[in-house]
Amino acid sequence: MSLKQKILLSLSILIIFSLLLFIIFGDNGLVDLNLLKKERHRLIEKNAEITMDNLSLYRESDRLEHDPGYIEDVVRRELGLIGEDEVIFKLKNNGEHKVKR
């Protein structure tokens, strides 16, 4: 192999190696591609979670609009209201009884 061929071969190898480094580590290279794939996967999972939350809220909204029993349950649970004929007994820590009407 002549000196000219060795220089040409070395230069070709250097250019190919440089191109590979640029493809792997350069802007929009394989490293960025992997990061984008991970971000896409994370966003798909988050979108599925938000869709499930949205469906749950839609169902609850529909029940609040059309289900009187559910409305009564929510009012009792969140506002602590009682019916007209109901009595709540609250016990104190020392065992005394208190009646609330």
C-alpha atoms as a PDB file:
ATOM      1  CA  MET A   1       0.000   0.000   0.000  1.00  0.00           C
ATOM      2  CA  SER A   2       1.405   3.331  -0.957  1.00  0.00           C
ATOM      3  CA  LEU A   3       1.599   6.365   1.297  1.00  0.00           C
ATOM      4  CA  LYS A   4      -1.092   8.101  -0.749  1.00  0.00           C
ATOM      5  CA  GLN A   5      -3.515   5.176  -0.270  1.00  0.00           C
ATOM      6  CA  LYS A   6      -2.793   5.046   3.487  1.00  0.00           C
ATOM      7  CA  ILE A   7      -3.537   8.757   3.841  1.00  0.00           C
ATOM      8  CA  LEU A   8      -6.738   8.400   1.795  1.00  0.00           C
ATOM      9  CA  LEU A   9      -7.844   5.384   3.867  1.00  0.00           C
ATOM     10  CA  SER A  10      -7.081   7.174   7.162  1.00  0.00           C
ATOM     11  CA  LEU A  11      -8.951  10.266   5.989  1.00  0.00           C
ATOM     12  CA  SER A  12     -11.954   8.151   4.920  1.00  0.00           C
ATOM     13  CA  ILE A  13     -12.028   6.367   8.293  1.00  0.00           C
ATOM     14  CA  LEU A  14     -11.791   9.696  10.115  1.00  0.00           C
ATOM     15  CA  ILE A  15     -14.669  11.151   8.075  1.00  0.00           C
ATOM     16  CA  ILE A  16     -16.861   8.078   8.653  1.00  0.00           C
ATOM     17  CA  PHE A  17     -16.076   8.130  12.388  1.00  0.00           C
ATOM     18  CA  SER A  18     -16.895  11.849  12.562  1.00  0.00           C
ATOM     19  CA  LEU A  19     -20.209  11.284  10.785  1.00  0.00           C
ATOM     20  CA  LEU A  20     -21.101   8.473  13.194  1.00  0.00           C
ATOM     21  CA  LEU A  21     -20.329  10.698  16.175  1.00  0.00           C
ATOM     22  CA  PHE A  22     -22.451  13.466  14.698  1.00  0.00           C
ATOM     23  CA  ILE A  23     -25.348  11.070  14.023  1.00  0.00           C
ATOM     24  CA  ILE A  24     -25.231   9.699  17.562  1.00  0.00           C
ATOM     25  CA  PHE A  25     -24.498  12.814  19.612  1.00  0.00           C
ATOM     26  CA  GLY A  26     -25.344  15.739  17.330  1.00  0.00           C
ATOM     27  CA  ASP A  27     -28.510  17.834  17.294  1.00  0.00           C
ATOM     28  CA  ASN A  28     -31.499  15.562  16.666  1.00  0.00           C
ATOM     29  CA  GLY A  29     -29.216  12.539  16.931  1.00  0.00           C
ATOM     30  CA  LEU A  30     -29.920   9.160  18.469  1.00  0.00           C
ATOM     31  CA  VAL A  31     -29.571  10.492  22.010  1.00  0.00           C
ATOM     32  CA  ASP A  32     -32.241  13.117  21.350  1.00  0.00           C
ATOM     33  CA  LEU A  33     -34.372  10.484  19.627  1.00  0.00           C
ATOM     34  CA  ASN A  34     -34.305   8.296  22.737  1.00  0.00           C
ATOM     35  CA  LEU A  35     -35.171  11.276  24.942  1.00  0.00           C
ATOM     36  CA  LEU A  36     -38.083  12.150  22.669  1.00  0.00           C
ATOM     37  CA  LYS A  37     -39.342   8.552  22.747  1.00  0.00           C
ATOM     38  CA  LYS A  38     -39.273   8.559  26.562  1.00  0.00           C
ATOM     39  CA  GLU A  39     -41.075  11.919  26.669  1.00  0.00           C
ATOM     40  CA  ARG A  40     -43.687  10.654  24.198  1.00  0.00           C
ATOM     41  CA  HIS A  41     -44.284   7.537  26.303  1.00  0.00           C
ATOM     42  CA  ARG A  42     -44.645   9.662  29.456  1.00  0.00           C
ATOM     43  CA  LEU A  43     -47.127  11.974  27.719  1.00  0.00           C
ATOM     44  CA  ILE A  44     -49.186   9.030  26.445  1.00  0.00           C
ATOM     45  CA  GLU A  45     -49.414   7.633  29.986  1.00  0.00           C
ATOM     46  CA  LYS A  46     -50.341  11.044  31.399  1.00  0.00           C
ATOM     47  CA  ASN A  47     -52.974  11.484  28.688  1.00  0.00           C
ATOM     48  CA  ALA A  48     -54.508   8.108  29.573  1.00  0.00           C
ATOM     49  CA  GLU A  49     -54.576   9.088  33.254  1.00  0.00           C
ATOM     50  CA  ILE A  50     -56.228  12.431  32.476  1.00  0.00           C
ATOM     51  CA  THR A  51     -58.768  10.666  30.249  1.00  0.00           C
ATOM     52  CA  MET A  52     -59.688   8.328  33.119  1.00  0.00           C
ATOM     53  CA  ASP A  53     -60.023  11.285  35.510  1.00  0.00           C
ATOM     54  CA  ASN A  54     -62.166  13.116  32.960  1.00  0.00           C
ATOM     55  CA  LEU A  55     -64.445  10.093  32.566  1.00  0.00           C
ATOM     56  CA  SER A  56     -64.778   9.780  36.340  1.00  0.00           C
ATOM     57  CA  LEU A  57     -65.676  13.470  36.665  1.00  0.00           C
ATOM     58  CA  TYR A  58     -68.186  13.165  33.823  1.00  0.00           C
ATOM     59  CA  ARG A  59     -69.882  10.224  35.542  1.00  0.00           C
ATOM     60  CA  GLU A  60     -70.006  12.063  38.858  1.00  0.00           C
ATOM     61  CA  SER A  61     -71.407  15.170  37.158  1.00  0.00           C
ATOM     62  CA  ASP A  62     -74.061  13.064  35.448  1.00  0.00           C
ATOM     63  CA  ARG A  63     -75.025  11.443  38.757  1.00  0.00           C
ATOM     64  CA  LEU A  64     -75.215  14.844  40.451  1.00  0.00           C
ATOM     65  CA  GLU A  65     -77.583  16.040  37.730  1.00  0.00           C
ATOM     66  CA  HIS A  66     -79.854  12.991  37.571  1.00  0.00           C
ATOM     67  CA  ASP A  67     -79.555  10.818  40.718  1.00  0.00           C
ATOM     68  CA  PRO A  68     -81.365  12.245  43.772  1.00  0.00           C
ATOM     69  CA  GLY A  69     -80.067   9.460  46.032  1.00  0.00           C
ATOM     70  CA  TYR A  70     -76.484  10.287  45.127  1.00  0.00           C
ATOM     71  CA  ILE A  71     -77.123  14.002  45.682  1.00  0.00           C
ATOM     72  CA  GLU A  72     -78.491  13.225  49.145  1.00  0.00           C
ATOM     73  CA  ASP A  73     -75.468  11.055  49.931  1.00  0.00           C
ATOM     74  CA  VAL A  74     -73.043  13.803  48.867  1.00  0.00           C
ATOM     75  CA  VAL A  75     -74.883  16.451  50.897  1.00  0.00           C
ATOM     76  CA  ARG A  76     -74.866  14.243  53.996  1.00  0.00           C
ATOM     77  CA  ARG A  77     -71.207  13.321  53.606  1.00  0.00           C
ATOM     78  CA  GLU A  78     -69.728  16.700  52.658  1.00  0.00           C
ATOM     79  CA  LEU A  79     -72.026  19.144  54.447  1.00  0.00           C
ATOM     80  CA  GLY A  80     -72.965  16.981  57.422  1.00  0.00           C
ATOM     81  CA  LEU A  81     -76.698  17.605  57.004  1.00  0.00           C
ATOM     82  CA  ILE A  82     -79.352  15.320  58.450  1.00  0.00           C
ATOM     83  CA  GLY A  83     -82.959  14.569  57.546  1.00  0.00           C
ATOM     84  CA  GLU A  84     -86.003  16.016  59.358  1.00  0.00           C
ATOM     85  CA  ASP A  85     -86.729  12.895  61.419  1.00  0.00           C
ATOM     86  CA  GLU A  86     -83.113  11.948  62.163  1.00  0.00           C
ATOM     87  CA  VAL A  87     -81.222  12.331  65.425  1.00  0.00           C
ATOM     88  CA  ILE A  88     -77.433  12.285  65.781  1.00  0.00           C
ATOM     89  CA  PHE A  89     -75.874  11.024  68.999  1.00  0.00           C
ATOM     90  CA  LYS A  90     -72.390  12.390  69.681  1.00  0.00           C
ATOM     91  CA  LEU A  91     -70.338  10.729  72.387  1.00  0.00           C
ATOM     92  CA  LYS A  92     -67.774  12.727  74.306  1.00  0.00           C
ATOM     93  CA  ASN A  93     -64.421  11.232  75.246  1.00  0.00           C
ATOM     94  CA  ASN A  94     -65.396  10.680  78.900  1.00  0.00           C
ATOM     95  CA  GLY A  95     -68.520   8.700  77.969  1.00  0.00           C
ATOM     96  CA  GLU A  96     -71.154  11.433  78.377  1.00  0.00           C
ATOM     97  CA  HIS A  97     -73.944  11.474  75.819  1.00  0.00           C
ATOM     98  CA  LYS A  98     -75.141  14.496  73.903  1.00  0.00           C
ATOM     99  CA  VAL A  99     -78.274  14.509  71.738  1.00  0.00           C
ATOM    100  CA  LYS A 100     -78.538  16.889  68.775  1.00  0.00           C
ATOM    101  CA  ARG A 101     -81.839  17.472  66.975  1.00  0.00           C
END
